[in-house]
Protein backbone atom coordinates (compact mmCIF):
# COMPACT_ATOMS: atom_id res chain seq x y z
CA MET A 1 0.02 0.13 -0.02
CA LEU A 2 2.84 2.40 0.75
CA LEU A 3 4.42 1.86 -2.68
CA HIS A 4 1.25 2.41 -4.79
CA ARG A 5 1.29 5.33 -7.18
CA PHE A 6 -0.07 8.47 -5.54
CA THR A 7 -3.38 9.67 -6.93
CA GLU A 8 -5.21 12.93 -7.35
CA ILE A 9 -7.73 11.98 -4.72
CA GLU A 10 -5.06 11.73 -2.09
CA VAL A 11 -3.78 15.24 -2.91
CA VAL A 12 -7.30 16.76 -2.77
CA SER A 13 -8.15 15.06 0.48
CA ALA A 14 -4.85 16.27 2.14
CA MET A 15 -5.51 19.81 0.96
CA LYS A 16 -8.98 19.78 2.62
CA GLN A 17 -7.46 18.50 5.92
CA MET A 18 -4.90 21.41 6.22
CA ALA A 19 -5.63 24.19 8.66
CA PRO A 20 -6.51 27.15 6.59
CA PHE A 21 -4.59 29.95 8.63
CA LYS A 22 -1.29 28.30 9.28
CA ALA A 23 1.81 30.60 9.61
CA LEU A 24 3.21 31.72 6.25
CA GLY A 25 6.20 30.10 4.70
CA PRO A 26 8.67 31.47 2.01
CA ASP A 27 5.80 31.38 -0.59
CA GLY A 28 3.89 33.91 1.43
CA MET A 29 0.56 32.13 0.98
CA PRO A 30 -1.49 30.42 3.64
CA PRO A 31 -3.36 27.10 2.91
CA VAL A 32 -6.69 29.02 2.76
CA PHE A 33 -5.57 30.80 -0.42
CA TYR A 34 -5.19 27.34 -2.21
CA GLN A 35 -8.43 26.06 -0.77
CA SER A 36 -10.41 29.26 -1.78
CA TYR A 37 -9.01 29.26 -5.28
CA TRP A 38 -8.58 25.50 -5.87
CA HIS A 39 -10.58 25.73 -9.06
CA VAL A 40 -7.76 28.04 -10.42
CA VAL A 41 -4.57 26.63 -8.94
CA GLY A 42 -5.74 23.09 -8.24
CA PRO A 43 -4.72 21.31 -11.51
CA GLU A 44 -1.13 22.71 -11.34
CA VAL A 45 -0.76 21.98 -7.69
CA ILE A 46 -1.85 18.43 -8.14
CA GLN A 47 0.48 17.96 -11.13
CA ALA A 48 3.40 19.36 -9.16
CA VAL A 49 2.69 17.28 -6.02
CA LEU A 50 2.15 13.90 -7.97
CA ASP A 51 5.42 14.54 -9.99
CA CYS A 52 7.42 14.91 -6.76
CA LEU A 53 5.81 11.88 -4.97
CA ASN A 54 5.71 9.50 -7.93
CA THR A 55 9.33 10.35 -9.05
CA GLY A 56 10.75 10.72 -5.59
CA LYS A 57 12.44 14.00 -6.58
CA LEU A 58 11.78 17.24 -4.78
CA LEU A 59 12.59 20.70 -6.14
CA PRO A 60 15.18 22.32 -3.93
CA SER A 61 13.17 25.53 -3.75
CA LEU A 62 10.22 23.69 -2.09
CA ASN A 63 12.45 22.68 0.81
CA HIS A 64 13.22 26.22 1.76
CA THR A 65 11.79 27.09 5.10
CA PHE A 66 11.68 29.95 7.68
CA VAL A 67 12.99 28.83 11.05
CA THR A 68 11.28 30.50 14.03
CA LEU A 69 12.36 30.16 17.68
CA ILE A 70 9.49 29.84 20.08
CA PRO A 71 10.38 30.43 23.85
CA LYS A 72 9.92 27.39 26.14
CA ILE A 73 10.00 29.43 29.30
CA LYS A 74 9.16 33.05 30.28
CA ASN A 75 12.82 34.45 30.39
CA PRO A 76 14.79 32.43 27.82
CA LYS A 77 18.53 32.86 28.10
CA ARG A 78 20.05 30.00 26.12
CA VAL A 79 19.35 28.45 22.66
CA THR A 80 17.97 25.31 24.43
CA ASP A 81 15.28 27.49 25.97
CA TYR A 82 13.80 27.96 22.56
CA ARG A 83 11.88 25.43 20.36
CA PRO A 84 12.59 25.65 16.75
CA ILE A 85 9.59 25.74 14.37
CA SER A 86 9.92 25.38 10.57
CA LEU A 87 7.53 27.49 8.48
CA CYS A 88 7.36 25.63 5.19
CA ASN A 89 5.74 26.19 1.81
CA VAL A 90 2.25 25.01 1.40
CA ILE A 91 3.25 22.65 -1.46
CA TYR A 92 5.79 21.10 0.90
CA LYS A 93 3.35 20.77 3.70
CA LEU A 94 0.88 19.25 1.23
CA ILE A 95 3.36 16.56 0.16
CA SER A 96 4.15 15.69 3.77
CA LYS A 97 0.47 15.59 4.51
CA VAL A 98 -0.12 12.95 1.70
CA LEU A 99 2.76 10.83 3.01
CA ALA A 100 1.49 11.00 6.61
CA ASN A 101 -2.10 10.03 5.53
CA ARG A 102 -0.66 6.72 4.03
CA LEU A 103 1.58 6.08 7.00
CA LYS A 104 -1.00 6.62 9.68
CA PHE A 105 -2.76 3.32 8.95
CA PHE A 106 0.46 1.57 10.01
CA LEU A 107 1.30 3.66 13.12
CA PRO A 108 -0.42 1.32 15.67
CA CYS A 109 1.83 -1.53 14.33
CA VAL A 110 5.16 0.48 14.62
CA ILE A 111 4.47 2.53 17.78
CA SER A 112 4.43 0.76 21.14
CA GLU A 113 1.31 0.81 23.25
CA THR A 114 3.11 3.00 25.92
CA GLN A 115 3.13 5.85 23.29
CA SER A 116 -0.30 7.33 23.55
CA ALA A 117 0.05 10.63 21.73
CA PHE A 118 -0.26 11.24 17.95
CA VAL A 119 -1.92 7.82 17.29
CA PRO A 120 -5.68 7.64 16.50
CA GLY A 121 -7.70 6.12 19.25
CA ARG A 122 -5.08 6.89 21.90
CA LEU A 123 -5.15 9.76 24.54
CA ILE A 124 -1.97 11.10 26.24
CA THR A 125 -4.07 11.75 29.38
CA ASP A 126 -4.09 8.03 30.09
CA ASN A 127 -0.36 8.00 30.66
CA VAL A 128 -0.73 11.19 32.76
CA LEU A 129 -3.14 9.55 35.04
CA ILE A 130 -0.97 6.35 35.30
CA ALA A 131 1.96 8.58 36.23
CA PHE A 132 0.09 10.46 38.78
CA GLU A 133 -1.38 7.29 40.47
CA THR A 134 2.09 5.74 40.52
CA LEU A 135 3.61 8.88 42.28
CA HIS A 136 0.58 9.01 44.69
CA HIS A 137 1.29 5.27 45.60
CA MET A 138 4.97 5.81 46.12
CA HIS A 139 4.32 8.96 48.24
CA ASN A 140 1.86 7.17 50.63
CA LYS A 141 3.69 3.91 50.88
CA ARG A 142 4.71 3.51 54.52
CA THR A 143 5.21 -0.24 55.09
CA GLY A 144 6.99 -3.17 53.44
CA LYS A 145 10.63 -3.92 52.68
CA VAL A 146 10.35 -3.31 48.90
CA ASP A 147 10.95 0.35 48.19
CA SER A 148 10.25 2.29 44.94
CA MET A 149 12.23 4.93 43.11
CA ALA A 150 11.18 7.51 40.54
CA LEU A 151 13.74 8.28 37.90
CA GLU A 152 13.32 11.36 35.64
CA LEU A 153 14.74 10.66 32.18
CA ASP A 154 14.83 12.79 29.06
CA MET A 155 12.03 15.31 29.50
CA SER A 156 12.79 17.32 26.23
CA LYS A 157 10.42 17.17 23.32
CA ALA A 158 11.44 14.52 20.89
CA TYR A 159 11.03 16.93 17.95
CA ASP A 160 13.39 19.47 19.47
CA ARG A 161 16.33 17.48 18.18
CA VAL A 162 15.69 15.06 15.27
CA ASP A 163 18.42 12.86 14.01
CA TRP A 164 17.32 12.07 10.40
CA GLY A 165 20.05 9.34 9.98
CA PHE A 166 18.79 7.65 13.05
CA LEU A 167 15.17 7.71 11.79
CA GLU A 168 16.44 6.32 8.44
CA GLN A 169 18.05 3.34 10.14
CA ILE A 170 14.97 2.76 12.41
CA MET A 171 12.71 2.52 9.36
CA LEU A 172 14.93 0.06 7.69
CA LYS A 173 15.18 -1.98 10.82
CA MET A 174 11.39 -2.08 11.06
CA GLY A 175 11.09 -3.49 7.51
CA PHE A 176 10.05 -0.48 5.51
CA HIS A 177 10.80 -0.87 1.86
CA THR A 178 14.02 1.13 0.67
CA LYS A 179 11.80 2.95 -1.87
CA TRP A 180 9.55 4.29 0.85
CA VAL A 181 12.56 5.22 3.14
CA SER A 182 14.22 7.12 0.21
CA LEU A 183 10.90 8.97 -0.43
CA ILE A 184 10.70 10.04 3.24
CA MET A 185 14.38 11.01 3.37
CA GLU A 186 14.04 13.18 0.20
CA TYR A 187 11.85 15.44 2.18
CA SER A 188 14.09 15.62 5.32
CA PRO A 189 15.48 19.08 6.19
CA SER A 190 18.64 20.07 4.48
CA ILE A 191 21.25 20.93 7.20
CA ALA A 192 23.61 23.79 6.54
CA LYS A 193 27.15 23.02 7.46
CA VAL A 194 30.11 25.19 8.25
CA ALA A 195 31.92 24.17 4.94
CA GLU A 196 29.25 26.05 3.02
CA LEU A 197 30.49 29.27 4.71
CA ILE A 198 34.11 28.60 3.49
CA HIS A 199 35.75 29.19 0.03
CA GLY A 200 36.91 25.80 -0.85
CA SER A 201 39.85 26.82 -2.96
CA SER A 202 41.48 29.56 -0.69
CA SER A 203 40.35 28.23 2.69
CA VAL A 204 38.95 31.59 3.85
CA TRP A 205 35.57 32.67 5.27
CA ASN A 206 32.98 33.72 2.92
CA SER A 207 32.42 37.13 4.63
CA VAL A 208 29.55 38.20 2.36
CA GLN A 209 27.38 35.10 3.14
CA ILE A 210 28.29 35.22 6.86
CA ARG A 211 27.21 38.83 7.19
CA GLN A 212 23.90 38.07 5.41
CA LEU A 213 23.11 35.06 7.76
CA PHE A 214 24.28 36.42 11.16
CA LEU A 215 24.08 39.49 13.22
CA SER A 216 27.03 41.88 12.99
CA TYR A 217 28.45 41.00 16.45
CA ASP A 218 28.26 37.15 15.67
CA SER A 219 29.54 37.74 12.13
CA GLU A 220 32.72 39.48 13.42
CA ALA A 221 33.28 36.75 16.01
CA ILE A 222 33.05 34.05 13.29
CA LEU A 223 35.39 35.82 10.94
CA ARG A 224 37.98 36.07 13.64
CA ILE A 225 38.24 32.20 14.01
CA PRO A 226 41.37 31.11 12.16
CA LEU A 227 41.12 28.60 9.47
CA SER A 228 43.84 25.90 8.69
CA THR A 229 45.44 26.23 5.33
CA ARG A 230 46.07 22.49 5.23
CA SER A 231 42.37 21.60 5.41
CA PRO A 232 42.75 18.69 7.84
CA LEU A 233 39.92 16.37 8.74
CA ASP A 234 37.51 17.66 11.44
CA LYS A 235 37.67 16.11 14.92
CA LEU A 236 36.03 16.69 18.26
CA ILE A 237 37.88 18.71 20.86
CA TRP A 238 37.08 18.32 24.56
CA HIS A 239 37.93 21.60 26.37
CA GLU A 240 38.12 20.10 29.78
CA THR A 241 41.34 18.30 29.15
CA ARG A 242 44.68 19.57 27.95
CA ASP A 243 45.07 17.21 25.08
CA GLY A 244 41.37 17.54 23.91
CA THR A 245 40.41 13.99 24.55
CA TYR A 246 37.26 13.14 26.57
CA SER A 247 37.57 11.01 29.73
CA VAL A 248 34.92 9.88 32.11
CA ARG A 249 36.85 11.58 34.95
CA SER A 250 36.77 14.92 33.15
CA GLY A 251 33.04 14.51 32.34
CA TYR A 252 32.29 13.73 36.00
CA LYS A 253 34.29 16.76 37.26
CA LEU A 254 32.36 19.00 34.83
CA LEU A 255 29.02 17.81 36.00
CA LEU A 256 30.12 18.14 39.62
CA LYS A 257 31.17 21.64 39.07
CA GLU A 258 27.97 22.62 37.20
CA SER A 259 25.88 21.05 40.09
CA ARG A 260 27.66 23.34 42.64
CA VAL A 261 26.86 26.58 40.61
CA ASN A 262 24.43 28.95 42.67
CA ARG A 263 24.28 26.37 45.49
CA PRO A 264 25.02 27.18 49.14
CA GLY A 265 28.56 26.23 50.12
CA SER A 266 29.29 23.17 52.18
CA SER A 267 32.42 22.13 53.96
CA GLN A 268 34.26 22.51 50.71
CA SER A 269 33.23 26.15 50.14
CA LEU A 270 35.56 28.97 49.36
CA ASP A 271 35.09 30.42 52.86
CA PRO A 272 35.04 27.30 54.99
CA ASP A 273 33.68 27.13 58.59
CA PRO A 274 36.63 26.91 61.10
CA PHE A 275 34.52 24.26 62.79
CA TRP A 276 35.07 21.83 59.82
CA ASN A 277 38.79 22.63 59.61
CA LYS A 278 39.15 21.57 63.26
CA ILE A 279 37.42 18.33 62.61
CA TRP A 280 39.55 17.39 59.63
CA SER A 281 42.78 18.42 61.55
CA LEU A 282 42.05 15.96 64.45
CA GLN A 283 44.86 13.42 64.99
CA ILE A 284 42.66 10.41 64.50
CA PRO A 285 42.13 7.86 61.76
CA THR A 286 40.49 9.12 58.56
CA LYS A 287 37.52 6.68 59.01
CA VAL A 288 36.78 8.26 62.43
CA LYS A 289 36.87 11.80 60.93
CA HIS A 290 34.45 10.61 58.24
CA PHE A 291 32.19 9.23 60.91
CA VAL A 292 32.22 12.47 62.82
CA TRP A 293 31.37 14.33 59.58
CA ARG A 294 28.65 12.05 58.75
CA ALA A 295 27.16 12.28 62.31
CA CYS A 296 27.27 16.21 62.16
CA HIS A 297 25.30 16.08 58.86
CA GLU A 298 22.77 13.58 60.25
CA SER A 299 23.61 11.00 57.55
CA LEU A 300 24.07 8.02 59.79
CA PRO A 301 21.30 5.46 59.82
CA THR A 302 19.96 6.55 63.20
CA LYS A 303 16.43 6.21 64.37
CA SER A 304 15.68 9.94 63.73
CA GLY A 305 17.35 9.74 60.32
CA LEU A 306 15.35 6.64 59.32
CA PHE A 307 12.23 8.43 60.58
CA ARG A 308 13.03 11.40 58.33
CA ARG A 309 13.29 9.14 55.31
CA ASN A 310 10.01 7.35 56.14
CA VAL A 311 11.70 4.07 56.95
CA VAL A 312 10.42 3.76 60.46
CA HIS A 313 7.39 5.11 62.12
CA GLN A 314 8.83 6.18 65.44
CA ARG A 315 11.43 8.86 65.59
CA TYR A 316 13.10 8.05 68.98
CA VAL A 317 13.73 4.85 70.91
CA ASN A 318 11.40 4.48 73.74
CA TYR A 319 13.23 3.46 76.86
CA ALA A 320 10.26 4.18 79.19
CA MET A 321 10.62 7.82 77.90
CA LEU A 322 13.76 8.06 79.95
CA LEU A 323 15.81 9.70 77.24
CA ARG A 324 13.79 11.15 74.39
CA LYS A 325 16.78 12.54 72.59
CA THR A 326 19.84 10.37 72.99
CA ALA A 327 23.35 10.35 71.52
CA PHE A 328 23.24 9.56 67.84
CA MET A 329 19.44 10.15 67.78
CA HIS A 330 19.43 13.92 67.44
CA PHE A 331 22.62 15.50 66.25
CA GLY A 332 21.31 19.05 66.17
CA LEU A 333 22.04 19.46 69.85
CA ALA A 334 25.18 17.16 69.79
CA LEU A 335 26.62 19.36 67.04
CA GLN A 336 26.40 22.45 69.50
CA TYR A 337 28.10 20.63 72.26
CA LEU A 338 30.85 19.45 69.80
CA ARG A 339 31.52 22.93 68.79
CA ILE A 340 31.98 23.93 72.30
CA VAL A 341 34.32 21.10 72.97
CA LEU A 342 36.45 21.85 69.94
CA ASP A 343 36.65 25.54 70.97
CA LYS A 344 37.46 25.32 74.63
CA ALA A 345 38.56 21.77 75.50
CA SER A 346 42.16 20.57 75.49
CA PRO A 347 43.35 19.09 72.07
CA LEU A 348 43.15 15.55 73.21
CA LEU A 349 39.55 15.63 74.45
CA PRO A 350 37.97 16.07 71.04
CA GLU A 351 40.01 13.21 69.69
CA LYS A 352 39.00 10.92 72.64
CA LEU A 353 35.44 11.91 72.22
CA ALA A 354 35.46 11.03 68.55
CA LEU A 355 37.17 7.63 69.13
CA VAL A 356 34.66 6.69 71.89
CA ALA A 357 31.72 7.76 69.79
CA TRP A 358 32.98 5.73 66.81
CA LEU A 359 33.74 2.64 69.00
CA LEU A 360 30.25 2.82 70.65
CA TRP A 361 28.61 3.16 67.21
CA ASN A 362 30.58 0.13 65.78
CA LYS A 363 29.89 -2.04 68.83
CA ARG A 364 26.24 -1.17 68.75
CA ASN A 365 26.07 -2.22 65.09
CA GLN A 366 28.02 -5.42 65.68
CA SER A 367 25.70 -6.47 68.67
CA ARG A 368 22.63 -5.83 66.41
CA LEU A 369 24.19 -7.97 63.59
CA ASN A 370 25.16 -10.74 65.95
CA LEU A 371 21.78 -11.21 67.61
CA PRO A 372 21.03 -14.98 68.16
CA ASN A 373 18.33 -16.45 65.81
CA GLU A 374 14.98 -16.55 67.39
CA VAL A 375 13.53 -19.97 68.09
CA LYS A 376 9.80 -20.17 67.34
CA TRP A 377 7.48 -22.83 68.76
CA HIS A 378 5.75 -24.76 66.00
CA PRO A 379 2.39 -26.46 66.80
CA PRO A 380 2.05 -30.33 66.27
CA PRO A 381 -0.35 -31.82 63.69
CA LEU A 382 -4.15 -31.94 64.36
CA ASN A 383 -5.05 -34.29 67.26
CA TRP A 384 -1.40 -34.50 68.28
CA PHE A 385 0.44 -33.11 71.30
CA LYS A 386 3.75 -31.66 71.68
CA VAL A 387 6.09 -32.38 74.65
CA ASN A 388 8.73 -29.86 75.22
CA PHE A 389 11.53 -30.75 77.85
CA ASP A 390 14.65 -29.10 78.95
CA GLY A 391 17.48 -29.61 81.62
CA ALA A 392 19.47 -27.14 83.57
CA LEU A 393 22.66 -27.31 85.73
CA PHE A 394 23.16 -25.18 88.85
CA LYS A 395 26.86 -25.29 89.72
CA GLU A 396 26.51 -23.18 92.88
CA THR A 397 24.42 -25.80 94.65
CA ASN A 398 25.57 -28.83 92.58
CA GLU A 399 22.04 -29.45 91.54
CA GLY A 400 20.23 -29.91 88.39
CA GLY A 401 16.65 -29.48 87.24
CA ILE A 402 14.29 -30.55 84.45
CA GLY A 403 11.07 -29.10 83.14
CA VAL A 404 8.36 -30.54 80.78
CA VAL A 405 5.46 -28.74 79.07
CA ILE A 406 2.73 -30.48 77.19
CA CYS A 407 0.65 -28.48 74.67
CA ASP A 408 -1.99 -29.39 72.12
CA ASN A 409 -2.04 -28.29 68.44
CA ALA A 410 -3.78 -24.90 69.35
CA GLY A 411 -0.92 -24.19 71.79
CA GLN A 412 -3.02 -24.50 74.90
CA VAL A 413 -1.04 -25.99 77.98
CA ILE A 414 -2.28 -29.38 78.95
CA ALA A 415 0.17 -30.31 81.72
CA THR A 416 3.47 -29.16 83.23
CA LEU A 417 6.22 -30.70 85.37
CA SER A 418 9.37 -29.51 87.10
CA GLN A 419 11.69 -31.71 89.08
CA ARG A 420 14.90 -31.26 91.07
CA ILE A 421 17.91 -33.63 90.42
CA GLN A 422 20.58 -34.10 93.24
CA THR A 423 24.37 -34.35 92.28
CA PRO A 424 24.07 -34.42 88.50
CA GLN A 425 27.09 -35.82 86.73
CA SER A 426 27.02 -33.70 83.55
CA MET A 427 24.73 -31.54 81.44
CA GLU A 428 24.33 -34.38 78.98
CA MET A 429 23.05 -36.56 81.78
CA ILE A 430 20.51 -33.89 82.81
CA GLU A 431 19.19 -33.64 79.26
CA ALA A 432 18.94 -37.45 79.01
CA LEU A 433 17.04 -37.65 82.24
CA ALA A 434 14.80 -34.80 81.06
CA SER A 435 13.86 -36.65 77.89
CA ARG A 436 13.19 -39.82 79.81
CA ARG A 437 10.99 -38.01 82.41
CA ALA A 438 9.14 -36.28 79.49
CA ILE A 439 8.24 -39.65 77.99
CA LEU A 440 7.01 -41.10 81.31
CA PHE A 441 5.11 -37.92 82.18
CA ALA A 442 3.22 -37.98 78.84
CA LYS A 443 2.24 -41.53 79.62
CA GLU A 444 1.11 -40.59 83.15
CA VAL A 445 -1.17 -37.81 81.54
CA GLY A 446 -2.61 -40.35 79.10
CA ILE A 447 -1.03 -39.00 75.88
CA ASN A 448 -0.22 -41.76 73.11
CA ILE A 449 0.43 -39.58 70.13
CA ALA A 450 2.93 -36.76 70.74
CA GLU A 451 5.98 -34.94 69.49
CA PHE A 452 9.05 -34.59 71.77
CA GLU A 453 11.23 -31.54 71.33
CA GLY A 454 14.28 -30.49 73.26
CA ASP A 455 17.12 -27.95 72.79
CA SER A 456 19.99 -30.46 72.57
């Protein structure tokens, strides 16, 4: 269908679909002129359009456009703050309209379902609602171990920067016929290059053409750029390195430098706080300095920090409300005390304080990570009983003891037993006696089906 010969009906239909009062192009005529006087200009327009479409050749004059920059924001300052709009001739727009009418029947097949705009039957508001509901869910999520993260990717308009070479490869990859791809590329914008502003033979700027295309200030700046007489091949130069070669390190430094522009200074500002200098000058290991720095910035995973990040629901540890704000729970007050210590105390006291705090923090973390595994009681099968037994050794009195608990499958206690043992020989002996006494006790109670469970 895409490769069939174009007909007069398609041209007339496309002309009727065009908005009558679009902005003027180089021809100086809006579509309403052609629509109103179609009986006069129609035959010639149809012939011109069909010749271009069926032969695949476009007159260069039809591809001339006026480029207008429309501001994206209220106070644009950069070129990227503008959106370029091409004001084309009516004949050019008519040709592209005919091509678009043929292609739109295949758009649902080549555009994914997530792309909801510019496709008949799809609404972009669907994606807007989905995005809103997703962010609403993330904002209100308070429980669970699986977290969510929103990542803002390229928010620029796709038509702000169109790579026609990339579009050509995409169409070929999708299986479009080479004839159709060539027809589309015939109507792609012609891009002016710097070489067109240079006299090829003498390797000097074409000053007349430059002054016609640019403002006087820009023209003089361009003409001052020196040109090589050897005409070497062009290559990209990265201005952030001495040899002009790009590296990931230089790119990272550039992004870091730009991110700090117009941002309040930190410990690395041009006029640093003496407090931070005193911290970094302490005669303690670097890891302890880093710990103190993180503590002063409330970046440690404390209870208050986790509460601020919506990880936990309580801001402070409740030790019978004894200490509402303890060390490593609220660093605003601790930071004030640390400033006093650094200013008035002896040089060794801040270092001891930092080391003790670092040791306490690490010991606390190790104790939490080395907690014994919790043993849970599991009920027996239906109509069964579970007999739990244990033995203990009391070295002070040279005595031992055993205990037995019998429960049903619902966890209800049926019977219990405790017994003292005189002069036990070993812990293994006590456990063996406890298991024997548990079996006998179950028989005494009248239980025939049971599970026996000990801790050894």
